[in-house]
C-alpha atoms as a PDB file:
ATOM      1  CA  MET A   1      99.069  62.300-100.123  1.00  0.00           C
ATOM      2  CA  LYS A   2      99.264  61.038 -96.504  1.00  0.00           C
ATOM      3  CA  ALA A   3      95.330  61.188 -96.208  1.00  0.00           C
ATOM      4  CA  LEU A   4      95.018  59.066 -99.324  1.00  0.00           C
ATOM      5  CA  ASP A   5      97.428  56.388 -97.796  1.00  0.00           C
ATOM      6  CA  THR A   6      95.379  56.324 -94.637  1.00  0.00           C
ATOM      7  CA  VAL A   7      92.125  56.017 -96.447  1.00  0.00           C
ATOM      8  CA  LEU A   8      93.681  53.304 -98.503  1.00  0.00           C
ATOM      9  CA  LYS A   9      95.067  51.567 -95.415  1.00  0.00           C
ATOM     10  CA  THR A  10      91.603  51.747 -93.709  1.00  0.00           C
ATOM     11  CA  ALA A  11      89.792  50.498 -96.707  1.00  0.00           C
ATOM     12  CA  CYS A  12      92.328  47.349 -96.956  1.00  0.00           C
ATOM     13  CA  THR A  13      91.976  46.661 -93.153  1.00  0.00           C
ATOM     14  CA  ALA A  14      88.182  46.660 -93.391  1.00  0.00           C
ATOM     15  CA  ALA A  15      88.262  44.403 -96.520  1.00  0.00           C
ATOM     16  CA  ALA A  16      90.441  42.020 -94.763  1.00  0.00           C
ATOM     17  CA  LEU A  17      88.210  42.020 -91.819  1.00  0.00           C
ATOM     18  CA  ILE A  18      85.068  41.363 -93.886  1.00  0.00           C
ATOM     19  CA  GLY A  19      86.862  38.557 -95.590  1.00  0.00           C
ATOM     20  CA  ALA A  20      87.952  36.865 -92.333  1.00  0.00           C
ATOM     21  CA  ILE A  21      84.223  37.209 -90.967  1.00  0.00           C
ATOM     22  CA  GLY A  22      83.106  35.556 -94.270  1.00  0.00           C
ATOM     23  CA  VAL A  23      85.401  32.539 -93.878  1.00  0.00           C
ATOM     24  CA  LEU A  24      84.573  32.114 -90.259  1.00  0.00           C
ATOM     25  CA  ALA A  25      80.906  32.346 -91.317  1.00  0.00           C
ATOM     26  CA  MET A  26      81.185  29.322 -93.661  1.00  0.00           C
ATOM     27  CA  GLN A  27      82.805  27.120 -90.935  1.00  0.00           C
ATOM     28  CA  PRO A  28      80.484  24.151 -90.425  1.00  0.00           C
ATOM     29  CA  ALA A  29      78.255  24.518 -87.098  1.00  0.00           C
ATOM     30  CA  HIS A  30      78.802  22.077 -84.317  1.00  0.00           C
ATOM     31  CA  ALA A  31      76.643  18.838 -85.268  1.00  0.00           C
ATOM     32  CA  ALA A  32      75.293  17.681 -82.035  1.00  0.00           C
ATOM     33  CA  ASP A  33      76.533  14.175 -81.077  1.00  0.00           C
ATOM     34  CA  ALA A  34      73.777  12.197 -79.296  1.00  0.00           C
ATOM     35  CA  SER A  35      76.221   9.372 -78.220  1.00  0.00           C
ATOM     36  CA  ASN A  36      78.308  12.016 -76.266  1.00  0.00           C
ATOM     37  CA  GLY A  37      75.081  13.199 -74.811  1.00  0.00           C
ATOM     38  CA  LYS A  38      74.304   9.790 -73.487  1.00  0.00           C
ATOM     39  CA  VAL A  39      77.694   9.558 -71.844  1.00  0.00           C
ATOM     40  CA  LEU A  40      77.065  13.144 -70.184  1.00  0.00           C
ATOM     41  CA  THR A  41      73.824  12.387 -68.979  1.00  0.00           C
ATOM     42  CA  GLU A  42      74.819   9.282 -67.309  1.00  0.00           C
ATOM     43  CA  ALA A  43      77.993  10.943 -65.791  1.00  0.00           C
ATOM     44  CA  HIS A  44      75.789  13.706 -64.401  1.00  0.00           C
ATOM     45  CA  ASN A  45      73.231  11.294 -63.174  1.00  0.00           C
ATOM     46  CA  CYS A  46      70.239  13.053 -64.647  1.00  0.00           C
ATOM     47  CA  ALA A  47      68.254   9.915 -64.032  1.00  0.00           C
ATOM     48  CA  ALA A  48      68.472  10.510 -60.232  1.00  0.00           C
ATOM     49  CA  CYS A  49      65.781  13.088 -60.656  1.00  0.00           C
ATOM     50  CA  HIS A  50      64.270  12.680 -64.127  1.00  0.00           C
ATOM     51  CA  GLY A  51      63.913   9.039 -63.695  1.00  0.00           C
ATOM     52  CA  PRO A  52      64.747   5.987 -65.977  1.00  0.00           C
ATOM     53  CA  ASN A  53      64.928   6.873 -69.685  1.00  0.00           C
ATOM     54  CA  LEU A  54      64.524  10.343 -68.157  1.00  0.00           C
ATOM     55  CA  ASN A  55      60.785   9.776 -68.836  1.00  0.00           C
ATOM     56  CA  LYS A  56      59.714   9.115 -65.173  1.00  0.00           C
ATOM     57  CA  PRO A  57      60.755  11.563 -62.557  1.00  0.00           C
ATOM     58  CA  VAL A  58      61.242  10.820 -59.034  1.00  0.00           C
ATOM     59  CA  SER A  59      58.911  13.762 -58.090  1.00  0.00           C
ATOM     60  CA  ALA A  60      56.181  15.634 -59.845  1.00  0.00           C
ATOM     61  CA  GLU A  61      58.400  18.689 -59.512  1.00  0.00           C
ATOM     62  CA  TYR A  62      60.763  17.441 -62.060  1.00  0.00           C
ATOM     63  CA  PRO A  63      59.782  17.257 -65.736  1.00  0.00           C
ATOM     64  CA  LYS A  64      59.680  14.469 -68.107  1.00  0.00           C
ATOM     65  CA  LEU A  65      62.588  15.105 -70.599  1.00  0.00           C
ATOM     66  CA  ALA A  66      62.540  12.308 -73.079  1.00  0.00           C
ATOM     67  CA  GLY A  67      61.516  13.318 -76.568  1.00  0.00           C
ATOM     68  CA  GLN A  68      61.469  17.078 -75.843  1.00  0.00           C
ATOM     69  CA  HIS A  69      62.661  19.416 -78.585  1.00  0.00           C
ATOM     70  CA  ALA A  70      66.498  19.825 -78.664  1.00  0.00           C
ATOM     71  CA  ASP A  71      66.371  23.545 -79.140  1.00  0.00           C
ATOM     72  CA  TYR A  72      64.232  23.930 -76.160  1.00  0.00           C
ATOM     73  CA  LEU A  73      66.293  21.696 -73.912  1.00  0.00           C
ATOM     74  CA  TYR A  74      69.395  23.539 -74.952  1.00  0.00           C
ATOM     75  CA  TRP A  75      68.238  26.810 -74.156  1.00  0.00           C
ATOM     76  CA  ALA A  76      66.733  25.594 -70.922  1.00  0.00           C
ATOM     77  CA  LEU A  77      70.094  24.295 -69.927  1.00  0.00           C
ATOM     78  CA  ARG A  78      71.932  27.451 -70.903  1.00  0.00           C
ATOM     79  CA  GLN A  79      69.324  29.541 -68.677  1.00  0.00           C
ATOM     80  CA  TYR A  80      70.354  27.363 -65.851  1.00  0.00           C
ATOM     81  CA  GLN A  81      73.918  27.971 -66.525  1.00  0.00           C
ATOM     82  CA  MET A  82      73.570  31.696 -66.865  1.00  0.00           C
ATOM     83  CA  GLY A  83      70.997  32.208 -64.247  1.00  0.00           C
ATOM     84  CA  ASN A  84      73.329  32.617 -61.152  1.00  0.00           C
ATOM     85  CA  GLY A  85      70.319  32.121 -58.955  1.00  0.00           C
ATOM     86  CA  ASN A  86      68.640  35.347 -60.282  1.00  0.00           C
ATOM     87  CA  PRO A  87      65.124  34.539 -61.675  1.00  0.00           C
ATOM     88  CA  ASN A  88      65.126  37.464 -63.634  1.00  0.00           C
ATOM     89  CA  PHE A  89      68.135  36.420 -65.671  1.00  0.00           C
ATOM     90  CA  GLY A  90      67.620  32.554 -66.598  1.00  0.00           C
ATOM     91  CA  ARG A  91      66.358  29.733 -64.596  1.00  0.00           C
ATOM     92  CA  ASN A  92      66.451  29.442 -60.805  1.00  0.00           C
ATOM     93  CA  ASN A  93      67.151  26.245 -59.653  1.00  0.00           C
ATOM     94  CA  PRO A  94      70.241  25.489 -57.724  1.00  0.00           C
ATOM     95  CA  ILE A  95      70.503  21.728 -58.259  1.00  0.00           C
ATOM     96  CA  MET A  96      70.287  22.179 -62.083  1.00  0.00           C
ATOM     97  CA  ALA A  97      72.430  25.167 -62.001  1.00  0.00           C
ATOM     98  CA  ALA A  98      75.197  23.164 -60.417  1.00  0.00           C
ATOM     99  CA  GLN A  99      74.925  20.393 -62.805  1.00  0.00           C
ATOM    100  CA  VAL A 100      75.527  22.432 -65.785  1.00  0.00           C
ATOM    101  CA  GLN A 101      78.250  24.833 -64.737  1.00  0.00           C
ATOM    102  CA  SER A 102      80.971  22.531 -65.967  1.00  0.00           C
ATOM    103  CA  LEU A 103      79.521  21.753 -69.337  1.00  0.00           C
ATOM    104  CA  SER A 104      80.391  23.617 -72.519  1.00  0.00           C
ATOM    105  CA  GLN A 105      77.839  24.954 -74.940  1.00  0.00           C
ATOM    106  CA  SER A 106      78.696  21.832 -77.230  1.00  0.00           C
ATOM    107  CA  ASP A 107      78.188  19.429 -74.289  1.00  0.00           C
ATOM    108  CA  LEU A 108      74.758  20.973 -73.792  1.00  0.00           C
ATOM    109  CA  LYS A 109      73.837  20.467 -77.560  1.00  0.00           C
ATOM    110  CA  ASP A 110      75.080  17.024 -77.375  1.00  0.00           C
ATOM    111  CA  ILE A 111      73.011  16.377 -74.272  1.00  0.00           C
ATOM    112  CA  SER A 112      69.971  17.976 -75.870  1.00  0.00           C
ATOM    113  CA  ALA A 113      70.173  15.816 -79.013  1.00  0.00           C
ATOM    114  CA  TYR A 114      70.469  12.773 -76.971  1.00  0.00           C
ATOM    115  CA  ILE A 115      67.235  13.570 -74.859  1.00  0.00           C
ATOM    116  CA  GLU A 116      65.457  14.576 -78.075  1.00  0.00           C
ATOM    117  CA  SER A 117      66.156  10.936 -79.393  1.00  0.00           C
ATOM    118  CA  LEU A 118      64.578   9.147 -76.391  1.00  0.00           C
ATOM    119  CA  ASP A 119      61.110   7.774 -76.592  1.00  0.00           C
ATOM    120  CA  GLY A 120      58.960   9.746 -74.145  1.00  0.00           C
ATOM    121  CA  ASP A 121      55.367  10.460 -73.131  1.00  0.00           C
ATOM    122  CA  LEU A 122      55.418  14.114 -74.203  1.00  0.00           C
ATOM    123  CA  ILE A 123      52.345  14.999 -76.383  1.00  0.00           C
ATOM    124  CA  VAL A 124      52.408  17.982 -78.884  1.00  0.00           C
ATOM    125  CA  LYS A 125      49.005  19.538 -78.919  1.00  0.00           C
ATOM    126  CA  LYS A 126      47.676  20.535 -82.241  1.00  0.00           C
END
């Protein structure tokens, strides 16, 4: 009888956990806020390196960002955030790493959405 109680208790706990995971999975994902992204890019002075409208870098070393795909930008920013100066894990640029350390993943998505919304000179090859 004790074994049956343990089995039932374990089954109920598992069912509750599965139910909780299901509820969490149905929560809406963060919708990127491009207007907040604009505020963040201005606050972090992205144009100092990437130029006006993030489309005319001050040096050929820096990429044009305007119009780049948001998902690519988000992961590039996350890699700078996670890189810790190790080129085998993330991107290795100390300036960019310092710029993104204080930002949340939500902030990175907002910045990415804003930059994607900008008109740029990037060309998609077909």
